[in-house]
Amino acid sequence: MSVQTPNADSTLAAVLKSLDDDKAEDVVQIDLRGRSEMGDHMVIASGRSSRQVSSIAEKLTERLKRDFGILSKVEGKAAGDWVLIDTGDVIVHVFRPEVREFYQLEKMWLSPDEAAKAD
């Protein structure tokens, strides 16, 4: 299988598919274009347990490396409470539900109307 050169949208699509395949819950996608230099998209999702959070992150990074040659930067996988995956164009946060509720990242990045729809 040949490795494709990804753009932000194809990376986002691969991230969303991987999260869906691994049964991530409450997936929220935030468009960062024109709002932040850190990336074009942010995705926030939940896993039911620390084990699932770590597994979702590990499988996502493996798929991105295999399919696109992306070497993602990963923080927090060992603890499994909040894992940050930086693909370059897409920033992914995978949380346990309690940790996600505590930090409420969506509220920092979504407009009030978008945040109400995400709840």
Protein backbone atom coordinates (compact mmCIF):
# COMPACT_ATOMS: atom_id res chain seq x y z
CA MET A 1 0.00 0.00 0.00
CA SER A 2 1.38 3.40 -0.96
CA VAL A 3 1.42 6.27 1.50
CA GLN A 4 -0.65 9.31 0.46
CA THR A 5 0.39 12.87 1.18
CA PRO A 6 -2.42 14.20 3.35
CA ASN A 7 -4.00 17.61 3.50
CA ALA A 8 -5.87 18.89 6.54
CA ASP A 9 -9.26 17.71 5.29
CA SER A 10 -8.11 14.18 4.43
CA THR A 11 -6.36 13.93 7.79
CA LEU A 12 -9.56 15.09 9.50
CA ALA A 13 -11.61 12.50 7.61
CA ALA A 14 -9.17 9.75 8.64
CA VAL A 15 -9.27 10.90 12.27
CA LEU A 16 -13.07 10.91 12.33
CA LYS A 17 -13.23 7.45 10.73
CA SER A 18 -10.72 6.03 13.21
CA LEU A 19 -12.63 7.48 16.17
CA ASP A 20 -15.87 6.03 14.82
CA ASP A 21 -14.26 2.63 14.20
CA ASP A 22 -13.05 2.53 17.81
CA LYS A 23 -16.41 3.59 19.29
CA ALA A 24 -15.31 6.99 20.56
CA GLU A 25 -18.27 8.88 21.99
CA ASP A 26 -19.50 12.48 21.79
CA VAL A 27 -17.16 13.43 18.95
CA VAL A 28 -17.03 17.19 18.34
CA GLN A 29 -15.21 18.75 15.41
CA ILE A 30 -14.05 22.38 15.62
CA ASP A 31 -12.80 24.38 12.62
CA LEU A 32 -9.73 26.36 13.71
CA ARG A 33 -8.88 27.90 10.33
CA GLY A 34 -8.40 31.62 10.79
CA ARG A 35 -8.74 31.28 14.58
CA SER A 36 -5.50 29.59 15.62
CA GLU A 37 -2.05 28.82 14.29
CA MET A 38 -1.90 25.45 16.09
CA GLY A 39 -3.84 23.60 13.40
CA ASP A 40 -6.76 23.67 10.98
CA HIS A 41 -9.08 21.41 12.95
CA MET A 42 -9.61 20.23 16.51
CA VAL A 43 -11.46 17.05 17.37
CA ILE A 44 -12.63 16.23 20.89
CA ALA A 45 -13.92 12.78 21.81
CA SER A 46 -14.53 10.57 24.82
CA GLY A 47 -13.75 6.99 25.72
CA ARG A 48 -15.58 5.13 28.47
CA SER A 49 -12.45 4.15 30.42
CA SER A 50 -8.74 4.93 30.65
CA ARG A 51 -8.03 1.74 28.74
CA GLN A 52 -10.36 2.71 25.89
CA VAL A 53 -8.98 6.27 25.77
CA SER A 54 -5.42 4.94 25.43
CA SER A 55 -6.50 2.35 22.86
CA ILE A 56 -8.34 4.92 20.73
CA ALA A 57 -5.22 7.11 20.73
CA GLU A 58 -2.85 4.26 19.94
CA LYS A 59 -4.92 2.95 17.03
CA LEU A 60 -5.38 6.45 15.63
CA THR A 61 -1.65 7.15 15.61
CA GLU A 62 -0.93 3.75 14.04
CA ARG A 63 -3.49 4.31 11.25
CA LEU A 64 -2.22 7.81 10.48
CA LYS A 65 1.35 6.55 10.28
CA ARG A 66 0.38 3.58 8.09
CA ASP A 67 -1.94 5.45 5.73
CA PHE A 68 -0.32 8.89 5.51
CA GLY A 69 3.16 8.60 7.01
CA ILE A 70 2.14 11.04 9.77
CA LEU A 71 4.25 10.77 12.91
CA SER A 72 1.90 12.25 15.49
CA LYS A 73 3.04 13.77 18.75
CA VAL A 74 1.21 12.13 21.65
CA GLU A 75 0.89 13.20 25.28
CA GLY A 76 -0.92 11.46 28.15
CA LYS A 77 -1.38 7.99 26.67
CA ALA A 78 0.09 6.19 29.69
CA ALA A 79 -2.43 7.71 32.13
CA GLY A 80 -5.39 7.48 29.77
CA ASP A 81 -7.37 10.34 31.32
CA TRP A 82 -6.71 12.89 28.56
CA VAL A 83 -4.65 12.03 25.50
CA LEU A 84 -3.54 14.77 23.11
CA ILE A 85 -2.63 13.73 19.56
CA ASP A 86 -1.03 16.42 17.39
CA THR A 87 -1.02 15.42 13.72
CA GLY A 88 0.15 18.83 12.56
CA ASP A 89 -3.08 19.93 10.86
CA VAL A 90 -5.52 18.23 13.24
CA ILE A 91 -5.34 18.35 17.03
CA VAL A 92 -7.19 15.48 18.71
CA HIS A 93 -8.19 15.32 22.38
CA VAL A 94 -9.51 12.02 23.75
CA PHE A 95 -10.86 12.18 27.30
CA ARG A 96 -12.52 10.08 29.93
CA PRO A 97 -15.98 11.68 30.34
CA GLU A 98 -15.29 13.08 33.84
CA VAL A 99 -12.05 14.72 32.72
CA ARG A 100 -13.70 16.16 29.62
CA GLU A 101 -16.48 17.64 31.73
CA PHE A 102 -13.93 19.20 34.08
CA TYR A 103 -11.87 20.94 31.36
CA GLN A 104 -14.74 21.79 28.96
CA LEU A 105 -12.47 22.51 25.99
CA GLU A 106 -15.44 22.81 23.67
CA LYS A 107 -16.63 25.90 25.52
CA MET A 108 -13.28 27.61 24.94
CA TRP A 109 -13.34 27.05 21.17
CA LEU A 110 -17.00 26.91 20.11
CA SER A 111 -19.31 29.89 19.78
CA PRO A 112 -22.23 29.87 22.26
CA ASP A 113 -24.57 28.59 19.51
CA GLU A 114 -22.16 25.81 18.51
CA ALA A 115 -21.59 24.85 22.16
CA ALA A 116 -25.35 24.53 22.74
CA LYS A 117 -25.63 22.19 19.73
CA ALA A 118 -22.69 20.10 20.99
CA ASP A 119 -24.34 19.48 24.41
